[in-house]
N, C-alpha and C. Protein backbone atom coordinates (compact mmCIF):
# COMPACT_ATOMS: atom_id res chain seq x y z
N MET A 1 8.05 -9.20 -19.17
CA MET A 1 8.58 -9.43 -17.84
C MET A 1 7.47 -9.54 -16.80
N ILE A 2 6.46 -8.67 -16.89
CA ILE A 2 5.40 -8.67 -15.88
C ILE A 2 4.64 -10.00 -15.87
N GLU A 3 4.66 -10.73 -16.99
CA GLU A 3 3.94 -12.00 -17.07
C GLU A 3 4.50 -13.02 -16.08
N LYS A 4 5.79 -12.98 -15.81
CA LYS A 4 6.39 -13.96 -14.90
C LYS A 4 6.29 -13.55 -13.43
N LEU A 5 5.79 -12.38 -13.17
CA LEU A 5 5.65 -11.90 -11.79
C LEU A 5 4.35 -12.43 -11.19
N LYS A 6 4.36 -12.56 -9.88
CA LYS A 6 3.22 -13.08 -9.16
C LYS A 6 2.71 -11.99 -8.21
N PHE A 7 1.41 -11.71 -8.27
CA PHE A 7 0.79 -10.70 -7.40
C PHE A 7 -0.06 -11.43 -6.38
N ILE A 8 0.19 -11.13 -5.10
CA ILE A 8 -0.51 -11.84 -4.03
C ILE A 8 -0.97 -10.87 -2.94
N THR A 9 -1.85 -11.35 -2.11
CA THR A 9 -2.15 -10.73 -0.83
C THR A 9 -1.51 -11.63 0.22
N ILE A 10 -1.09 -11.08 1.33
CA ILE A 10 -0.45 -11.95 2.33
C ILE A 10 -1.42 -12.97 2.91
N ARG A 11 -2.71 -12.79 2.73
CA ARG A 11 -3.65 -13.83 3.18
C ARG A 11 -3.50 -15.11 2.37
N THR A 12 -3.11 -14.99 1.10
CA THR A 12 -2.95 -16.18 0.28
C THR A 12 -1.62 -16.88 0.54
N GLU A 13 -0.64 -16.15 1.06
CA GLU A 13 0.66 -16.74 1.38
C GLU A 13 1.16 -16.20 2.72
N PRO A 14 0.48 -16.57 3.81
CA PRO A 14 0.81 -15.99 5.12
C PRO A 14 2.24 -16.27 5.60
N GLU A 15 2.87 -17.30 5.05
CA GLU A 15 4.23 -17.62 5.47
C GLU A 15 5.23 -16.52 5.09
N ILE A 16 4.81 -15.58 4.27
CA ILE A 16 5.71 -14.51 3.81
C ILE A 16 5.69 -13.29 4.75
N ILE A 17 4.90 -13.33 5.80
CA ILE A 17 4.68 -12.14 6.64
C ILE A 17 5.99 -11.57 7.22
N GLU A 18 6.87 -12.40 7.76
CA GLU A 18 8.13 -11.89 8.34
C GLU A 18 8.98 -11.23 7.27
N LYS A 19 9.10 -11.89 6.14
CA LYS A 19 9.89 -11.36 5.03
C LYS A 19 9.30 -10.05 4.53
N ALA A 20 7.97 -10.00 4.42
CA ALA A 20 7.30 -8.79 3.95
C ALA A 20 7.50 -7.63 4.93
N ALA A 21 7.33 -7.90 6.21
CA ALA A 21 7.49 -6.84 7.21
C ALA A 21 8.92 -6.30 7.21
N THR A 22 9.90 -7.18 7.06
CA THR A 22 11.30 -6.76 6.98
C THR A 22 11.53 -5.92 5.73
N TRP A 23 10.96 -6.36 4.61
CA TRP A 23 11.13 -5.65 3.35
C TRP A 23 10.54 -4.24 3.43
N PHE A 24 9.28 -4.12 3.89
CA PHE A 24 8.65 -2.80 4.01
C PHE A 24 9.44 -1.91 4.96
N SER A 25 9.88 -2.47 6.08
CA SER A 25 10.64 -1.70 7.06
C SER A 25 11.92 -1.14 6.45
N SER A 26 12.57 -1.94 5.63
CA SER A 26 13.82 -1.48 5.01
C SER A 26 13.59 -0.36 4.00
N LYS A 27 12.40 -0.28 3.44
CA LYS A 27 12.09 0.75 2.44
C LYS A 27 11.63 2.05 3.07
N TRP A 28 10.94 1.97 4.20
CA TRP A 28 10.28 3.16 4.76
C TRP A 28 10.77 3.55 6.14
N ASN A 29 11.73 2.85 6.70
CA ASN A 29 12.26 3.18 8.04
C ASN A 29 11.17 3.25 9.10
N VAL A 30 10.19 2.40 8.95
CA VAL A 30 9.16 2.22 9.98
C VAL A 30 9.49 0.88 10.64
N PRO A 31 9.40 0.79 11.96
CA PRO A 31 9.77 -0.46 12.63
C PRO A 31 9.02 -1.67 12.07
N LYS A 32 9.75 -2.75 11.91
CA LYS A 32 9.19 -4.01 11.42
C LYS A 32 7.97 -4.42 12.24
N GLU A 33 8.02 -4.17 13.54
CA GLU A 33 6.92 -4.56 14.43
C GLU A 33 5.61 -3.86 14.06
N ALA A 34 5.71 -2.64 13.58
CA ALA A 34 4.49 -1.92 13.17
C ALA A 34 3.85 -2.61 11.97
N TYR A 35 4.67 -3.03 11.02
CA TYR A 35 4.14 -3.77 9.87
C TYR A 35 3.58 -5.11 10.31
N LEU A 36 4.29 -5.81 11.18
CA LEU A 36 3.82 -7.12 11.65
C LEU A 36 2.46 -7.00 12.34
N GLU A 37 2.29 -5.95 13.14
CA GLU A 37 1.01 -5.75 13.83
C GLU A 37 -0.12 -5.59 12.83
N CYS A 38 0.06 -4.73 11.84
CA CYS A 38 -0.97 -4.51 10.82
C CYS A 38 -1.23 -5.77 10.01
N MET A 39 -0.17 -6.44 9.63
CA MET A 39 -0.30 -7.66 8.82
C MET A 39 -0.98 -8.78 9.61
N ASN A 40 -0.63 -8.92 10.88
CA ASN A 40 -1.27 -9.94 11.71
C ASN A 40 -2.75 -9.65 11.91
N ASN A 41 -3.10 -8.38 12.06
CA ASN A 41 -4.51 -8.02 12.17
C ASN A 41 -5.27 -8.43 10.91
N TYR A 42 -4.63 -8.27 9.77
CA TYR A 42 -5.22 -8.67 8.50
C TYR A 42 -5.33 -10.20 8.41
N LEU A 43 -4.25 -10.89 8.75
CA LEU A 43 -4.27 -12.36 8.69
C LEU A 43 -5.27 -12.97 9.65
N ASN A 44 -5.47 -12.32 10.80
CA ASN A 44 -6.39 -12.83 11.82
C ASN A 44 -7.80 -12.28 11.68
N ASN A 45 -8.08 -11.66 10.52
CA ASN A 45 -9.42 -11.14 10.20
C ASN A 45 -9.93 -10.09 11.19
N LYS A 46 -9.00 -9.36 11.83
CA LYS A 46 -9.40 -8.24 12.68
C LYS A 46 -9.66 -7.00 11.83
N THR A 47 -9.17 -7.03 10.58
CA THR A 47 -9.40 -5.96 9.62
C THR A 47 -9.41 -6.57 8.22
N ASN A 48 -10.09 -5.91 7.31
CA ASN A 48 -10.05 -6.31 5.91
C ASN A 48 -9.16 -5.37 5.10
N LEU A 49 -8.38 -4.55 5.78
CA LEU A 49 -7.44 -3.65 5.12
C LEU A 49 -6.16 -4.44 4.88
N GLY A 50 -5.89 -4.75 3.61
CA GLY A 50 -4.90 -5.75 3.26
C GLY A 50 -3.51 -5.29 2.91
N TRP A 51 -2.69 -6.26 2.60
CA TRP A 51 -1.29 -6.08 2.21
C TRP A 51 -1.05 -6.87 0.94
N PHE A 52 -0.46 -6.22 -0.05
CA PHE A 52 -0.32 -6.77 -1.38
C PHE A 52 1.14 -6.74 -1.81
N LEU A 53 1.57 -7.82 -2.46
CA LEU A 53 2.97 -7.94 -2.86
C LEU A 53 3.08 -8.38 -4.31
N CYS A 54 4.19 -8.00 -4.92
CA CYS A 54 4.58 -8.51 -6.23
C CYS A 54 5.86 -9.30 -6.01
N LEU A 55 5.87 -10.55 -6.47
CA LEU A 55 7.01 -11.43 -6.30
C LEU A 55 7.62 -11.80 -7.64
N ASP A 56 8.93 -11.82 -7.69
CA ASP A 56 9.67 -12.38 -8.82
C ASP A 56 10.36 -13.61 -8.23
N ALA A 57 9.81 -14.78 -8.51
CA ALA A 57 10.21 -16.01 -7.85
C ALA A 57 9.95 -15.82 -6.35
N ASP A 58 10.98 -15.89 -5.51
CA ASP A 58 10.75 -15.70 -4.07
C ASP A 58 11.19 -14.32 -3.59
N ARG A 59 11.50 -13.42 -4.51
CA ARG A 59 11.95 -12.06 -4.16
C ARG A 59 10.78 -11.08 -4.20
N ILE A 60 10.61 -10.31 -3.13
CA ILE A 60 9.61 -9.25 -3.12
C ILE A 60 10.17 -8.09 -3.94
N VAL A 61 9.44 -7.68 -4.98
CA VAL A 61 9.91 -6.59 -5.83
C VAL A 61 8.98 -5.38 -5.79
N GLY A 62 7.83 -5.53 -5.13
CA GLY A 62 6.90 -4.42 -4.99
C GLY A 62 5.87 -4.74 -3.93
N GLY A 63 5.28 -3.70 -3.39
CA GLY A 63 4.26 -3.94 -2.39
C GLY A 63 3.58 -2.66 -1.95
N LEU A 64 2.46 -2.85 -1.28
CA LEU A 64 1.74 -1.75 -0.63
C LEU A 64 0.78 -2.33 0.39
N GLY A 65 0.31 -1.47 1.26
CA GLY A 65 -0.65 -1.87 2.27
C GLY A 65 -1.82 -0.91 2.29
N VAL A 66 -2.84 -1.29 3.04
CA VAL A 66 -3.97 -0.41 3.29
C VAL A 66 -4.16 -0.37 4.80
N ILE A 67 -4.15 0.84 5.35
CA ILE A 67 -4.27 1.03 6.80
C ILE A 67 -5.30 2.13 7.07
N GLU A 68 -5.66 2.30 8.33
CA GLU A 68 -6.64 3.34 8.70
C GLU A 68 -6.12 4.74 8.39
N ASN A 69 -4.89 5.04 8.85
CA ASN A 69 -4.33 6.39 8.68
C ASN A 69 -2.84 6.30 8.45
N ASP A 70 -2.36 7.00 7.45
CA ASP A 70 -0.94 6.94 7.09
C ASP A 70 -0.16 8.12 7.67
N PHE A 71 -0.22 8.25 8.99
CA PHE A 71 0.59 9.23 9.72
C PHE A 71 0.31 10.68 9.33
N HIS A 72 -0.97 11.04 9.21
CA HIS A 72 -1.33 12.43 8.93
C HIS A 72 -2.50 12.86 9.81
N GLU A 73 -2.74 14.18 9.86
CA GLU A 73 -3.73 14.72 10.79
C GLU A 73 -5.18 14.53 10.36
N ARG A 74 -5.44 14.18 9.12
CA ARG A 74 -6.82 14.01 8.64
C ARG A 74 -7.33 12.61 8.93
N LYS A 75 -7.64 12.37 10.21
CA LYS A 75 -8.09 11.05 10.65
C LYS A 75 -9.45 10.68 10.05
N ASP A 76 -10.18 11.68 9.53
CA ASP A 76 -11.48 11.43 8.92
C ASP A 76 -11.34 10.83 7.52
N LEU A 77 -10.17 10.93 6.92
CA LEU A 77 -9.95 10.41 5.57
C LEU A 77 -9.33 9.02 5.68
N THR A 78 -10.17 8.01 5.60
CA THR A 78 -9.76 6.63 5.83
C THR A 78 -10.55 5.69 4.95
N PRO A 79 -9.96 4.56 4.56
CA PRO A 79 -8.62 4.05 4.80
C PRO A 79 -7.60 4.68 3.85
N ASN A 80 -6.33 4.40 4.12
CA ASN A 80 -5.22 4.95 3.33
C ASN A 80 -4.37 3.84 2.72
N ILE A 81 -4.08 3.97 1.44
CA ILE A 81 -3.05 3.12 0.84
C ILE A 81 -1.72 3.65 1.33
N CYS A 82 -0.84 2.74 1.74
CA CYS A 82 0.44 3.17 2.31
C CYS A 82 1.59 2.33 1.77
N ALA A 83 2.77 2.81 2.00
CA ALA A 83 4.01 2.07 1.77
C ALA A 83 4.16 1.54 0.34
N VAL A 84 3.66 2.30 -0.63
CA VAL A 84 3.80 1.88 -2.03
C VAL A 84 5.27 1.93 -2.42
N TYR A 85 5.79 0.79 -2.86
CA TYR A 85 7.19 0.75 -3.25
C TYR A 85 7.41 -0.35 -4.29
N VAL A 86 8.21 -0.02 -5.30
CA VAL A 86 8.65 -0.98 -6.31
C VAL A 86 10.16 -0.83 -6.42
N GLU A 87 10.86 -1.97 -6.39
CA GLU A 87 12.31 -1.95 -6.54
C GLU A 87 12.68 -1.23 -7.84
N GLU A 88 13.76 -0.46 -7.77
CA GLU A 88 14.13 0.43 -8.88
C GLU A 88 14.22 -0.29 -10.23
N GLU A 89 14.82 -1.46 -10.27
CA GLU A 89 14.99 -2.15 -11.56
C GLU A 89 13.68 -2.74 -12.10
N TYR A 90 12.62 -2.68 -11.32
CA TYR A 90 11.32 -3.18 -11.74
C TYR A 90 10.33 -2.05 -12.04
N ARG A 91 10.76 -0.82 -11.92
CA ARG A 91 9.87 0.31 -12.15
C ARG A 91 9.55 0.49 -13.62
N ASN A 92 8.48 1.21 -13.89
CA ASN A 92 8.01 1.51 -15.25
C ASN A 92 7.58 0.25 -16.01
N LYS A 93 7.06 -0.72 -15.27
CA LYS A 93 6.58 -1.95 -15.88
C LYS A 93 5.13 -2.23 -15.50
N GLY A 94 4.48 -1.26 -14.84
CA GLY A 94 3.08 -1.42 -14.48
C GLY A 94 2.83 -2.11 -13.15
N ILE A 95 3.86 -2.38 -12.40
CA ILE A 95 3.71 -3.11 -11.13
C ILE A 95 2.93 -2.31 -10.10
N ALA A 96 3.30 -1.05 -9.90
CA ALA A 96 2.59 -0.23 -8.91
C ALA A 96 1.11 -0.10 -9.30
N GLY A 97 0.84 0.11 -10.57
CA GLY A 97 -0.54 0.22 -11.03
C GLY A 97 -1.33 -1.04 -10.77
N ARG A 98 -0.72 -2.17 -11.01
CA ARG A 98 -1.43 -3.43 -10.77
C ARG A 98 -1.67 -3.64 -9.27
N LEU A 99 -0.69 -3.30 -8.44
CA LEU A 99 -0.88 -3.40 -6.99
C LEU A 99 -1.99 -2.46 -6.52
N LEU A 100 -2.00 -1.23 -7.04
CA LEU A 100 -3.06 -0.29 -6.67
C LEU A 100 -4.43 -0.82 -7.08
N ASN A 101 -4.52 -1.38 -8.28
CA ASN A 101 -5.79 -1.94 -8.74
C ASN A 101 -6.23 -3.11 -7.87
N LEU A 102 -5.30 -3.96 -7.47
CA LEU A 102 -5.63 -5.07 -6.59
C LEU A 102 -6.19 -4.56 -5.26
N ALA A 103 -5.54 -3.55 -4.70
CA ALA A 103 -6.00 -2.99 -3.42
C ALA A 103 -7.39 -2.38 -3.55
N VAL A 104 -7.60 -1.60 -4.60
CA VAL A 104 -8.90 -0.95 -4.81
C VAL A 104 -10.00 -2.00 -5.00
N GLU A 105 -9.73 -3.03 -5.79
CA GLU A 105 -10.73 -4.09 -6.01
C GLU A 105 -11.01 -4.86 -4.74
N ASP A 106 -9.98 -5.13 -3.95
CA ASP A 106 -10.17 -5.82 -2.68
C ASP A 106 -11.03 -4.99 -1.74
N LEU A 107 -10.77 -3.69 -1.68
CA LEU A 107 -11.58 -2.81 -0.84
C LEU A 107 -13.04 -2.81 -1.30
N LYS A 108 -13.25 -2.75 -2.60
CA LYS A 108 -14.62 -2.76 -3.13
C LYS A 108 -15.35 -4.04 -2.74
N MET A 109 -14.64 -5.18 -2.79
CA MET A 109 -15.26 -6.45 -2.39
C MET A 109 -15.65 -6.44 -0.92
N ASN A 110 -15.02 -5.58 -0.14
CA ASN A 110 -15.33 -5.46 1.28
C ASN A 110 -16.21 -4.25 1.58
N GLY A 111 -16.84 -3.71 0.52
CA GLY A 111 -17.80 -2.63 0.71
C GLY A 111 -17.20 -1.25 0.89
N ILE A 112 -15.93 -1.08 0.57
CA ILE A 112 -15.26 0.21 0.71
C ILE A 112 -14.96 0.75 -0.69
N SER A 113 -15.60 1.86 -1.03
CA SER A 113 -15.44 2.38 -2.39
C SER A 113 -14.51 3.59 -2.48
N THR A 114 -14.16 4.17 -1.35
CA THR A 114 -13.30 5.35 -1.35
C THR A 114 -12.04 5.04 -0.54
N VAL A 115 -10.90 5.42 -1.10
CA VAL A 115 -9.62 5.21 -0.42
C VAL A 115 -8.75 6.44 -0.67
N TYR A 116 -7.85 6.71 0.26
CA TYR A 116 -6.99 7.87 0.20
C TYR A 116 -5.53 7.43 0.21
N LEU A 117 -4.65 8.33 -0.20
CA LEU A 117 -3.22 8.10 -0.02
C LEU A 117 -2.53 9.45 0.07
N ILE A 118 -1.41 9.47 0.79
CA ILE A 118 -0.61 10.69 0.86
C ILE A 118 0.67 10.46 0.06
N THR A 119 1.11 11.51 -0.60
CA THR A 119 2.29 11.41 -1.44
C THR A 119 2.81 12.80 -1.76
N ASP A 120 4.06 12.84 -2.17
CA ASP A 120 4.62 14.07 -2.71
C ASP A 120 4.71 13.99 -4.23
N HIS A 121 4.37 12.85 -4.79
CA HIS A 121 4.41 12.67 -6.25
C HIS A 121 3.24 13.41 -6.91
N ILE A 122 3.52 14.04 -8.02
CA ILE A 122 2.48 14.70 -8.82
C ILE A 122 2.50 14.04 -10.19
N GLY A 123 1.34 13.58 -10.63
CA GLY A 123 1.22 12.99 -11.95
C GLY A 123 1.26 11.48 -11.99
N PHE A 124 1.73 10.83 -10.94
CA PHE A 124 1.82 9.37 -10.96
C PHE A 124 0.48 8.71 -10.63
N TYR A 125 -0.08 9.04 -9.49
CA TYR A 125 -1.30 8.36 -9.04
C TYR A 125 -2.52 8.73 -9.88
N GLU A 126 -2.47 9.89 -10.53
CA GLU A 126 -3.56 10.29 -11.41
C GLU A 126 -3.76 9.28 -12.53
N ARG A 127 -2.69 8.63 -12.96
CA ARG A 127 -2.79 7.61 -14.03
C ARG A 127 -3.65 6.43 -13.62
N TYR A 128 -3.85 6.25 -12.33
CA TYR A 128 -4.58 5.10 -11.81
C TYR A 128 -5.92 5.48 -11.18
N GLY A 129 -6.41 6.66 -11.53
CA GLY A 129 -7.74 7.06 -11.09
C GLY A 129 -7.80 7.88 -9.82
N PHE A 130 -6.68 8.21 -9.24
CA PHE A 130 -6.66 9.03 -8.03
C PHE A 130 -6.69 10.50 -8.44
N THR A 131 -7.33 11.32 -7.62
CA THR A 131 -7.35 12.76 -7.86
C THR A 131 -6.90 13.49 -6.60
N PHE A 132 -6.25 14.63 -6.81
CA PHE A 132 -5.78 15.44 -5.68
C PHE A 132 -6.99 15.94 -4.90
N LEU A 133 -6.92 15.82 -3.58
CA LEU A 133 -8.01 16.28 -2.71
C LEU A 133 -7.62 17.52 -1.91
N THR A 134 -6.51 17.45 -1.17
CA THR A 134 -6.13 18.53 -0.28
C THR A 134 -4.70 18.32 0.21
N MET A 135 -4.20 19.28 0.92
CA MET A 135 -2.90 19.15 1.58
C MET A 135 -3.16 18.77 3.03
N THR A 136 -2.19 18.11 3.65
CA THR A 136 -2.33 17.73 5.05
C THR A 136 -0.99 17.82 5.75
N LYS A 137 -1.06 18.02 7.05
CA LYS A 137 0.13 18.00 7.88
C LYS A 137 0.35 16.56 8.33
N CYS A 138 1.58 16.09 8.14
CA CYS A 138 1.94 14.74 8.54
C CYS A 138 2.43 14.75 9.99
N ASP A 139 2.45 13.57 10.59
CA ASP A 139 2.87 13.45 11.98
C ASP A 139 4.30 13.95 12.21
N ASP A 140 5.15 13.93 11.16
CA ASP A 140 6.52 14.40 11.31
C ASP A 140 6.65 15.91 11.07
N GLY A 141 5.50 16.59 10.87
CA GLY A 141 5.50 18.04 10.69
C GLY A 141 5.56 18.51 9.25
N THR A 142 5.83 17.61 8.33
CA THR A 142 5.87 17.98 6.91
C THR A 142 4.45 18.11 6.36
N ILE A 143 4.35 18.73 5.20
CA ILE A 143 3.06 18.87 4.52
C ILE A 143 3.10 17.98 3.27
N SER A 144 2.03 17.21 3.07
CA SER A 144 1.95 16.33 1.90
C SER A 144 0.59 16.45 1.24
N ARG A 145 0.52 15.91 0.05
CA ARG A 145 -0.70 15.90 -0.74
C ARG A 145 -1.54 14.67 -0.39
N ILE A 146 -2.85 14.85 -0.29
CA ILE A 146 -3.76 13.70 -0.13
C ILE A 146 -4.53 13.53 -1.43
N TYR A 147 -4.53 12.30 -1.90
CA TYR A 147 -5.29 11.91 -3.09
C TYR A 147 -6.46 11.03 -2.67
N ILE A 148 -7.48 11.03 -3.51
CA ILE A 148 -8.67 10.23 -3.26
C ILE A 148 -8.97 9.38 -4.49
N TYR A 149 -9.46 8.17 -4.24
CA TYR A 149 -9.95 7.29 -5.30
C TYR A 149 -11.36 6.90 -4.90
N LYS A 150 -12.32 7.14 -5.79
CA LYS A 150 -13.68 6.70 -5.50
C LYS A 150 -14.38 6.27 -6.76
């Protein structure tokens, strides 16, 4: 199944930006405009922190982004992989891992060798080279785990 899927960055298919922002917003309850701002900054070369998607034909089935800070108090830990999501019927097929690898490789090409992410998952990101670093307070007051990849 994964062979027929297409993995892209929105820079290679900028016409998908509205659809991608709507999709991410529907998954994470973050305003579409916030995604559009980050994505436009990426498309306009104001940042090299990218947005990556997995497509099945014209349907977005997975995605993630890279931003400066993913709504937590550790502003010194940057950049952050954010908004990792794979549609339920596409899970356990290696899609998230491939998206994570694409993001890490893209960052390396831009001279960034260390990246962080916050999550409540234990055992998932470790499979892709991330290690637990510390706990952090999130902007909504909750406490989450920070992982590091280097």
